[in-house]
Amino acid sequence: MSESYEFKLFDDKLKKKYLLSQIFDGEVNLFQILLAPLDPQHPDYEEWKYQLEENKKVLKQLMDVYEKLGGTYDLQEIRNVINNAQ
């Protein structure tokens, strides 16, 4: 993030919860993609592969920001985010 903004309400704790939620959604999406793999000879393989790689790239970006904020993958914290999202 090259631009900056001084957040008044959206503190690091809320940012981490938001990012964990996005990471969870991204991993669910990745799981869905991996559940339906396509053969390299399939006409839609390139699109499937692109979706797979893009999803992994976005997940990496989210995880990098989350970890820079001091986020950990503590099971209790993850449960709180997942339980609130349902």
PDB file of N, CA and C in Angstrom:
ATOM      1  N   MET A   1       0.846  -1.175   0.000  1.00  0.00           N
ATOM      2  CA  MET A   1       0.000   0.000   0.000  1.00  0.00           C
ATOM      3  C   MET A   1       0.887   1.232   0.000  1.00  0.00           C
ATOM      4  N   SER A   2       0.990   1.876  -1.118  1.00  0.00           N
ATOM      5  CA  SER A   2       1.857   3.043  -1.216  1.00  0.00           C
ATOM      6  C   SER A   2       1.175   4.292  -0.656  1.00  0.00           C
ATOM      7  N   GLU A   3      -0.132   4.348  -0.748  1.00  0.00           N
ATOM      8  CA  GLU A   3      -0.867   5.475  -0.181  1.00  0.00           C
ATOM      9  C   GLU A   3      -1.038   5.242   1.312  1.00  0.00           C
ATOM     10  N   SER A   4      -1.218   6.322   2.063  1.00  0.00           N
ATOM     11  CA  SER A   4      -1.417   6.152   3.494  1.00  0.00           C
ATOM     12  C   SER A   4      -2.619   6.967   3.954  1.00  0.00           C
ATOM     13  N   TYR A   5      -3.148   6.572   5.068  1.00  0.00           N
ATOM     14  CA  TYR A   5      -4.294   7.233   5.666  1.00  0.00           C
ATOM     15  C   TYR A   5      -4.237   6.938   7.152  1.00  0.00           C
ATOM     16  N   GLU A   6      -4.530   7.945   7.975  1.00  0.00           N
ATOM     17  CA  GLU A   6      -4.526   7.743   9.414  1.00  0.00           C
ATOM     18  C   GLU A   6      -5.928   7.318   9.844  1.00  0.00           C
ATOM     19  N   PHE A   7      -6.079   6.032  10.131  1.00  0.00           N
ATOM     20  CA  PHE A   7      -7.367   5.502  10.542  1.00  0.00           C
ATOM     21  C   PHE A   7      -7.662   5.909  11.977  1.00  0.00           C
ATOM     22  N   LYS A   8      -8.865   6.383  12.218  1.00  0.00           N
ATOM     23  CA  LYS A   8      -9.286   6.795  13.561  1.00  0.00           C
ATOM     24  C   LYS A   8     -10.050   5.685  14.268  1.00  0.00           C
ATOM     25  N   LEU A   9     -10.872   4.950  13.535  1.00  0.00           N
ATOM     26  CA  LEU A   9     -11.725   3.928  14.138  1.00  0.00           C
ATOM     27  C   LEU A   9     -11.288   2.508  13.790  1.00  0.00           C
ATOM     28  N   PHE A  10     -10.794   2.341  12.602  1.00  0.00           N
ATOM     29  CA  PHE A  10     -10.426   1.028  12.094  1.00  0.00           C
ATOM     30  C   PHE A  10      -9.009   0.705  12.557  1.00  0.00           C
ATOM     31  N   ASP A  11      -8.910   0.276  13.825  1.00  0.00           N
ATOM     32  CA  ASP A  11      -7.598   0.030  14.426  1.00  0.00           C
ATOM     33  C   ASP A  11      -7.028  -1.315  13.958  1.00  0.00           C
ATOM     34  N   ASP A  12      -5.812  -1.610  14.412  1.00  0.00           N
ATOM     35  CA  ASP A  12      -5.126  -2.824  13.962  1.00  0.00           C
ATOM     36  C   ASP A  12      -5.897  -4.095  14.331  1.00  0.00           C
ATOM     37  N   LYS A  13      -6.563  -4.077  15.478  1.00  0.00           N
ATOM     38  CA  LYS A  13      -7.337  -5.245  15.893  1.00  0.00           C
ATOM     39  C   LYS A  13      -8.473  -5.511  14.900  1.00  0.00           C
ATOM     40  N   LEU A  14      -9.181  -4.469  14.507  1.00  0.00           N
ATOM     41  CA  LEU A  14     -10.264  -4.619  13.535  1.00  0.00           C
ATOM     42  C   LEU A  14      -9.717  -4.986  12.157  1.00  0.00           C
ATOM     43  N   LYS A  15      -8.588  -4.409  11.794  1.00  0.00           N
ATOM     44  CA  LYS A  15      -7.976  -4.746  10.513  1.00  0.00           C
ATOM     45  C   LYS A  15      -7.624  -6.231  10.466  1.00  0.00           C
ATOM     46  N   LYS A  16      -7.066  -6.750  11.562  1.00  0.00           N
ATOM     47  CA  LYS A  16      -6.696  -8.162  11.597  1.00  0.00           C
ATOM     48  C   LYS A  16      -7.927  -9.055  11.498  1.00  0.00           C
ATOM     49  N   LYS A  17      -9.010  -8.679  12.178  1.00  0.00           N
ATOM     50  CA  LYS A  17     -10.239  -9.469  12.069  1.00  0.00           C
ATOM     51  C   LYS A  17     -10.765  -9.457  10.633  1.00  0.00           C
ATOM     52  N   TYR A  18     -10.753  -8.287  10.020  1.00  0.00           N
ATOM     53  CA  TYR A  18     -11.202  -8.168   8.638  1.00  0.00           C
ATOM     54  C   TYR A  18     -10.335  -9.036   7.724  1.00  0.00           C
ATOM     55  N   LEU A  19      -9.021  -8.937   7.896  1.00  0.00           N
ATOM     56  CA  LEU A  19      -8.107  -9.707   7.051  1.00  0.00           C
ATOM     57  C   LEU A  19      -8.283 -11.207   7.260  1.00  0.00           C
ATOM     58  N   LEU A  20      -8.468 -11.644   8.523  1.00  0.00           N
ATOM     59  CA  LEU A  20      -8.697 -13.063   8.774  1.00  0.00           C
ATOM     60  C   LEU A  20      -9.958 -13.537   8.062  1.00  0.00           C
ATOM     61  N   SER A  21     -10.985 -12.723   8.083  1.00  0.00           N
ATOM     62  CA  SER A  21     -12.226 -13.058   7.396  1.00  0.00           C
ATOM     63  C   SER A  21     -11.993 -13.192   5.893  1.00  0.00           C
ATOM     64  N   GLN A  22     -11.230 -12.266   5.320  1.00  0.00           N
ATOM     65  CA  GLN A  22     -10.922 -12.319   3.893  1.00  0.00           C
ATOM     66  C   GLN A  22     -10.041 -13.525   3.552  1.00  0.00           C
ATOM     67  N   ILE A  23      -9.106 -13.836   4.435  1.00  0.00           N
ATOM     68  CA  ILE A  23      -8.241 -15.005   4.237  1.00  0.00           C
ATOM     69  C   ILE A  23      -9.092 -16.276   4.274  1.00  0.00           C
ATOM     70  N   PHE A  24     -10.003 -16.342   5.236  1.00  0.00           N
ATOM     71  CA  PHE A  24     -10.892 -17.504   5.327  1.00  0.00           C
ATOM     72  C   PHE A  24     -11.713 -17.666   4.040  1.00  0.00           C
ATOM     73  N   ASP A  25     -12.316 -16.572   3.591  1.00  0.00           N
ATOM     74  CA  ASP A  25     -13.109 -16.621   2.349  1.00  0.00           C
ATOM     75  C   ASP A  25     -12.248 -17.038   1.160  1.00  0.00           C
ATOM     76  N   GLY A  26     -11.021 -16.523   1.104  1.00  0.00           N
ATOM     77  CA  GLY A  26     -10.116 -16.872   0.018  1.00  0.00           C
ATOM     78  C   GLY A  26      -9.717 -18.339   0.049  1.00  0.00           C
ATOM     79  N   GLU A  27      -9.508 -18.875   1.254  1.00  0.00           N
ATOM     80  CA  GLU A  27      -9.148 -20.284   1.355  1.00  0.00           C
ATOM     81  C   GLU A  27     -10.332 -21.183   1.005  1.00  0.00           C
ATOM     82  N   VAL A  28     -11.544 -20.764   1.363  1.00  0.00           N
ATOM     83  CA  VAL A  28     -12.732 -21.525   0.957  1.00  0.00           C
ATOM     84  C   VAL A  28     -12.828 -21.529  -0.565  1.00  0.00           C
ATOM     85  N   ASN A  29     -12.626 -20.377  -1.180  1.00  0.00           N
ATOM     86  CA  ASN A  29     -12.672 -20.282  -2.633  1.00  0.00           C
ATOM     87  C   ASN A  29     -11.589 -21.157  -3.275  1.00  0.00           C
ATOM     88  N   LEU A  30     -10.388 -21.115  -2.723  1.00  0.00           N
ATOM     89  CA  LEU A  30      -9.295 -21.942  -3.235  1.00  0.00           C
ATOM     90  C   LEU A  30      -9.656 -23.423  -3.121  1.00  0.00           C
ATOM     91  N   PHE A  31     -10.245 -23.806  -1.999  1.00  0.00           N
ATOM     92  CA  PHE A  31     -10.665 -25.187  -1.797  1.00  0.00           C
ATOM     93  C   PHE A  31     -11.681 -25.595  -2.857  1.00  0.00           C
ATOM     94  N   GLN A  32     -12.626 -24.708  -3.152  1.00  0.00           N
ATOM     95  CA  GLN A  32     -13.632 -24.996  -4.179  1.00  0.00           C
ATOM     96  C   GLN A  32     -12.976 -25.187  -5.550  1.00  0.00           C
ATOM     97  N   ILE A  33     -12.020 -24.351  -5.851  1.00  0.00           N
ATOM     98  CA  ILE A  33     -11.312 -24.474  -7.138  1.00  0.00           C
ATOM     99  C   ILE A  33     -10.579 -25.810  -7.217  1.00  0.00           C
ATOM    100  N   LEU A  34      -9.927 -26.179  -6.116  1.00  0.00           N
ATOM    101  CA  LEU A  34      -9.149 -27.418  -6.098  1.00  0.00           C
ATOM    102  C   LEU A  34     -10.027 -28.670  -6.096  1.00  0.00           C
ATOM    103  N   LEU A  35     -11.278 -28.525  -5.669  1.00  0.00           N
ATOM    104  CA  LEU A  35     -12.191 -29.667  -5.682  1.00  0.00           C
ATOM    105  C   LEU A  35     -12.591 -30.069  -7.101  1.00  0.00           C
ATOM    106  N   ALA A  36     -12.470 -29.142  -8.018  1.00  0.00           N
ATOM    107  CA  ALA A  36     -12.885 -29.414  -9.397  1.00  0.00           C
ATOM    108  C   ALA A  36     -11.730 -29.168 -10.367  1.00  0.00           C
ATOM    109  N   PRO A  37     -10.650 -29.927 -10.207  1.00  0.00           N
ATOM    110  CA  PRO A  37      -9.514 -29.718 -11.112  1.00  0.00           C
ATOM    111  C   PRO A  37      -9.865 -30.126 -12.537  1.00  0.00           C
ATOM    112  N   LEU A  38      -9.241 -29.447 -13.459  1.00  0.00           N
ATOM    113  CA  LEU A  38      -9.446 -29.768 -14.866  1.00  0.00           C
ATOM    114  C   LEU A  38      -8.186 -30.404 -15.442  1.00  0.00           C
ATOM    115  N   ASP A  39      -8.400 -31.298 -16.343  1.00  0.00           N
ATOM    116  CA  ASP A  39      -7.305 -31.921 -17.064  1.00  0.00           C
ATOM    117  C   ASP A  39      -6.645 -30.852 -17.945  1.00  0.00           C
ATOM    118  N   PRO A  40      -5.325 -30.853 -18.057  1.00  0.00           N
ATOM    119  CA  PRO A  40      -4.658 -29.859 -18.907  1.00  0.00           C
ATOM    120  C   PRO A  40      -5.157 -29.845 -20.351  1.00  0.00           C
ATOM    121  N   GLN A  41      -5.771 -30.904 -20.795  1.00  0.00           N
ATOM    122  CA  GLN A  41      -6.293 -30.960 -22.163  1.00  0.00           C
ATOM    123  C   GLN A  41      -7.702 -30.364 -22.282  1.00  0.00           C
ATOM    124  N   HIS A  42      -8.317 -30.093 -21.146  1.00  0.00           N
ATOM    125  CA  HIS A  42      -9.684 -29.542 -21.153  1.00  0.00           C
ATOM    126  C   HIS A  42      -9.657 -28.129 -21.734  1.00  0.00           C
ATOM    127  N   PRO A  43     -10.674 -27.753 -22.536  1.00  0.00           N
ATOM    128  CA  PRO A  43     -10.677 -26.411 -23.154  1.00  0.00           C
ATOM    129  C   PRO A  43     -10.701 -25.251 -22.139  1.00  0.00           C
ATOM    130  N   ASP A  44     -11.212 -25.494 -20.937  1.00  0.00           N
ATOM    131  CA  ASP A  44     -11.278 -24.436 -19.924  1.00  0.00           C
ATOM    132  C   ASP A  44     -10.130 -24.486 -18.924  1.00  0.00           C
ATOM    133  N   TYR A  45      -9.147 -25.338 -19.199  1.00  0.00           N
ATOM    134  CA  TYR A  45      -8.043 -25.503 -18.255  1.00  0.00           C
ATOM    135  C   TYR A  45      -7.307 -24.194 -17.983  1.00  0.00           C
ATOM    136  N   GLU A  46      -7.023 -23.431 -18.999  1.00  0.00           N
ATOM    137  CA  GLU A  46      -6.264 -22.185 -18.807  1.00  0.00           C
ATOM    138  C   GLU A  46      -7.012 -21.221 -17.892  1.00  0.00           C
ATOM    139  N   GLU A  47      -8.327 -21.121 -18.037  1.00  0.00           N
ATOM    140  CA  GLU A  47      -9.136 -20.258 -17.162  1.00  0.00           C
ATOM    141  C   GLU A  47      -9.123 -20.787 -15.730  1.00  0.00           C
ATOM    142  N   TRP A  48      -9.244 -22.108 -15.578  1.00  0.00           N
ATOM    143  CA  TRP A  48      -9.205 -22.723 -14.256  1.00  0.00           C
ATOM    144  C   TRP A  48      -7.853 -22.440 -13.587  1.00  0.00           C
ATOM    145  N   LYS A  49      -6.791 -22.645 -14.335  1.00  0.00           N
ATOM    146  CA  LYS A  49      -5.431 -22.416 -13.814  1.00  0.00           C
ATOM    147  C   LYS A  49      -5.233 -20.946 -13.440  1.00  0.00           C
ATOM    148  N   TYR A  50      -5.752 -20.033 -14.261  1.00  0.00           N
ATOM    149  CA  TYR A  50      -5.656 -18.601 -13.982  1.00  0.00           C
ATOM    150  C   TYR A  50      -6.383 -18.270 -12.669  1.00  0.00           C
ATOM    151  N   GLN A  51      -7.590 -18.807 -12.497  1.00  0.00           N
ATOM    152  CA  GLN A  51      -8.340 -18.562 -11.263  1.00  0.00           C
ATOM    153  C   GLN A  51      -7.579 -19.087 -10.053  1.00  0.00           C
ATOM    154  N   LEU A  52      -6.997 -20.253 -10.202  1.00  0.00           N
ATOM    155  CA  LEU A  52      -6.209 -20.851  -9.130  1.00  0.00           C
ATOM    156  C   LEU A  52      -5.039 -19.949  -8.750  1.00  0.00           C
ATOM    157  N   GLU A  53      -4.266 -19.522  -9.725  1.00  0.00           N
ATOM    158  CA  GLU A  53      -3.086 -18.691  -9.464  1.00  0.00           C
ATOM    159  C   GLU A  53      -3.466 -17.314  -8.918  1.00  0.00           C
ATOM    160  N   GLU A  54      -4.520 -16.722  -9.444  1.00  0.00           N
ATOM    161  CA  GLU A  54      -4.967 -15.413  -8.946  1.00  0.00           C
ATOM    162  C   GLU A  54      -5.430 -15.505  -7.503  1.00  0.00           C
ATOM    163  N   ASN A  55      -6.155 -16.560  -7.184  1.00  0.00           N
ATOM    164  CA  ASN A  55      -6.630 -16.748  -5.814  1.00  0.00           C
ATOM    165  C   ASN A  55      -5.449 -16.893  -4.862  1.00  0.00           C
ATOM    166  N   LYS A  56      -4.455 -17.675  -5.258  1.00  0.00           N
ATOM    167  CA  LYS A  56      -3.267 -17.857  -4.420  1.00  0.00           C
ATOM    168  C   LYS A  56      -2.509 -16.550  -4.243  1.00  0.00           C
ATOM    169  N   LYS A  57      -2.451 -15.746  -5.297  1.00  0.00           N
ATOM    170  CA  LYS A  57      -1.753 -14.461  -5.225  1.00  0.00           C
ATOM    171  C   LYS A  57      -2.464 -13.513  -4.245  1.00  0.00           C
ATOM    172  N   VAL A  58      -3.773 -13.444  -4.343  1.00  0.00           N
ATOM    173  CA  VAL A  58      -4.545 -12.576  -3.443  1.00  0.00           C
ATOM    174  C   VAL A  58      -4.396 -13.056  -1.999  1.00  0.00           C
ATOM    175  N   LEU A  59      -4.464 -14.358  -1.795  1.00  0.00           N
ATOM    176  CA  LEU A  59      -4.290 -14.898  -0.444  1.00  0.00           C
ATOM    177  C   LEU A  59      -2.928 -14.527   0.130  1.00  0.00           C
ATOM    178  N   LYS A  60      -1.900 -14.622  -0.676  1.00  0.00           N
ATOM    179  CA  LYS A  60      -0.552 -14.270  -0.204  1.00  0.00           C
ATOM    180  C   LYS A  60      -0.493 -12.801   0.199  1.00  0.00           C
ATOM    181  N   GLN A  61      -1.088 -11.936  -0.598  1.00  0.00           N
ATOM    182  CA  GLN A  61      -1.107 -10.502  -0.270  1.00  0.00           C
ATOM    183  C   GLN A  61      -1.840 -10.259   1.043  1.00  0.00           C
ATOM    184  N   LEU A  62      -2.995 -10.882   1.221  1.00  0.00           N
ATOM    185  CA  LEU A  62      -3.758 -10.720   2.460  1.00  0.00           C
ATOM    186  C   LEU A  62      -2.963 -11.223   3.660  1.00  0.00           C
ATOM    187  N   MET A  63      -2.339 -12.379   3.504  1.00  0.00           N
ATOM    188  CA  MET A  63      -1.564 -12.960   4.602  1.00  0.00           C
ATOM    189  C   MET A  63      -0.356 -12.097   4.950  1.00  0.00           C
ATOM    190  N   ASP A  64       0.297 -11.547   3.945  1.00  0.00           N
ATOM    191  CA  ASP A  64       1.450 -10.678   4.198  1.00  0.00           C
ATOM    192  C   ASP A  64       1.046  -9.452   5.012  1.00  0.00           C
ATOM    193  N   VAL A  65      -0.064  -8.812   4.637  1.00  0.00           N
ATOM    194  CA  VAL A  65      -0.529  -7.631   5.379  1.00  0.00           C
ATOM    195  C   VAL A  65      -0.922  -8.038   6.800  1.00  0.00           C
ATOM    196  N   TYR A  66      -1.638  -9.147   6.921  1.00  0.00           N
ATOM    197  CA  TYR A  66      -2.075  -9.646   8.227  1.00  0.00           C
ATOM    198  C   TYR A  66      -0.875  -9.902   9.139  1.00  0.00           C
ATOM    199  N   GLU A  67       0.131 -10.558   8.612  1.00  0.00           N
ATOM    200  CA  GLU A  67       1.316 -10.874   9.415  1.00  0.00           C
ATOM    201  C   GLU A  67       2.113  -9.619   9.752  1.00  0.00           C
ATOM    202  N   LYS A  68       2.155  -8.628   8.862  1.00  0.00           N
ATOM    203  CA  LYS A  68       2.845  -7.369   9.158  1.00  0.00           C
ATOM    204  C   LYS A  68       2.165  -6.622  10.293  1.00  0.00           C
ATOM    205  N   LEU A  69       0.860  -6.826  10.444  1.00  0.00           N
ATOM    206  CA  LEU A  69       0.118  -6.213  11.545  1.00  0.00           C
ATOM    207  C   LEU A  69       0.285  -6.998  12.845  1.00  0.00           C
ATOM    208  N   GLY A  70       1.074  -8.058  12.792  1.00  0.00           N
ATOM    209  CA  GLY A  70       1.314  -8.875  13.979  1.00  0.00           C
ATOM    210  C   GLY A  70       0.306  -9.994  14.140  1.00  0.00           C
ATOM    211  N   GLY A  71      -0.464 -10.260  13.099  1.00  0.00           N
ATOM    212  CA  GLY A  71      -1.462 -11.312  13.169  1.00  0.00           C
ATOM    213  C   GLY A  71      -0.835 -12.687  13.234  1.00  0.00           C
ATOM    214  N   THR A  72      -1.475 -13.543  14.006  1.00  0.00           N
ATOM    215  CA  THR A  72      -1.057 -14.939  14.105  1.00  0.00           C
ATOM    216  C   THR A  72      -2.243 -15.799  13.701  1.00  0.00           C
ATOM    217  N   TYR A  73      -1.987 -17.048  13.527  1.00  0.00           N
ATOM    218  CA  TYR A  73      -3.056 -17.954  13.138  1.00  0.00           C
ATOM    219  C   TYR A  73      -3.512 -18.752  14.357  1.00  0.00           C
ATOM    220  N   ASP A  74      -3.770 -17.998  15.444  1.00  0.00           N
ATOM    221  CA  ASP A  74      -4.257 -18.557  16.691  1.00  0.00           C
ATOM    222  C   ASP A  74      -5.660 -19.126  16.469  1.00  0.00           C
ATOM    223  N   LEU A  75      -5.853 -20.372  16.856  1.00  0.00           N
ATOM    224  CA  LEU A  75      -7.111 -21.064  16.597  1.00  0.00           C
ATOM    225  C   LEU A  75      -8.306 -20.345  17.227  1.00  0.00           C
ATOM    226  N   GLN A  76      -8.145 -19.813  18.424  1.00  0.00           N
ATOM    227  CA  GLN A  76      -9.258 -19.118  19.083  1.00  0.00           C
ATOM    228  C   GLN A  76      -9.644 -17.852  18.304  1.00  0.00           C
ATOM    229  N   GLU A  77      -8.655 -17.109  17.851  1.00  0.00           N
ATOM    230  CA  GLU A  77      -8.929 -15.894  17.073  1.00  0.00           C
ATOM    231  C   GLU A  77      -9.615 -16.240  15.750  1.00  0.00           C
ATOM    232  N   ILE A  78      -9.180 -17.307  15.121  1.00  0.00           N
ATOM    233  CA  ILE A  78      -9.791 -17.753  13.871  1.00  0.00           C
ATOM    234  C   ILE A  78     -11.227 -18.177  14.111  1.00  0.00           C
ATOM    235  N   ARG A  79     -11.463 -18.917  15.181  1.00  0.00           N
ATOM    236  CA  ARG A  79     -12.831 -19.349  15.511  1.00  0.00           C
ATOM    237  C   ARG A  79     -13.753 -18.148  15.704  1.00  0.00           C
ATOM    238  N   ASN A  80     -13.264 -17.122  16.383  1.00  0.00           N
ATOM    239  CA  ASN A  80     -14.084 -15.922  16.603  1.00  0.00           C
ATOM    240  C   ASN A  80     -14.497 -15.293  15.285  1.00  0.00           C
ATOM    241  N   VAL A  81     -13.595 -15.209  14.363  1.00  0.00           N
ATOM    242  CA  VAL A  81     -13.885 -14.600  13.060  1.00  0.00           C
ATOM    243  C   VAL A  81     -14.859 -15.472  12.273  1.00  0.00           C
ATOM    244  N   ILE A  82     -14.612 -16.771  12.248  1.00  0.00           N
ATOM    245  CA  ILE A  82     -15.464 -17.690  11.490  1.00  0.00           C
ATOM    246  C   ILE A  82     -16.866 -17.741  12.092  1.00  0.00           C
ATOM    247  N   ASN A  83     -16.963 -17.823  13.400  1.00  0.00           N
ATOM    248  CA  ASN A  83     -18.272 -17.907  14.055  1.00  0.00           C
ATOM    249  C   ASN A  83     -19.081 -16.633  13.849  1.00  0.00           C
ATOM    250  N   ASN A  84     -18.437 -15.490  13.783  1.00  0.00           N
ATOM    251  CA  ASN A  84     -19.137 -14.229  13.562  1.00  0.00           C
ATOM    252  C   ASN A  84     -19.558 -14.066  12.114  1.00  0.00           C
ATOM    253  N   ALA A  85     -18.884 -14.752  11.192  1.00  0.00           N
ATOM    254  CA  ALA A  85     -19.199 -14.619   9.768  1.00  0.00           C
ATOM    255  C   ALA A  85     -20.399 -15.471   9.373  1.00  0.00           C
ATOM    256  N   GLN A  86     -20.720 -16.466  10.169  1.00  0.00           N
ATOM    257  CA  GLN A  86     -21.806 -17.394   9.807  1.00  0.00           C
ATOM    258  C   GLN A  86     -23.149 -16.898  10.278  1.00  0.00           C
TER     259      GLN A  86
END
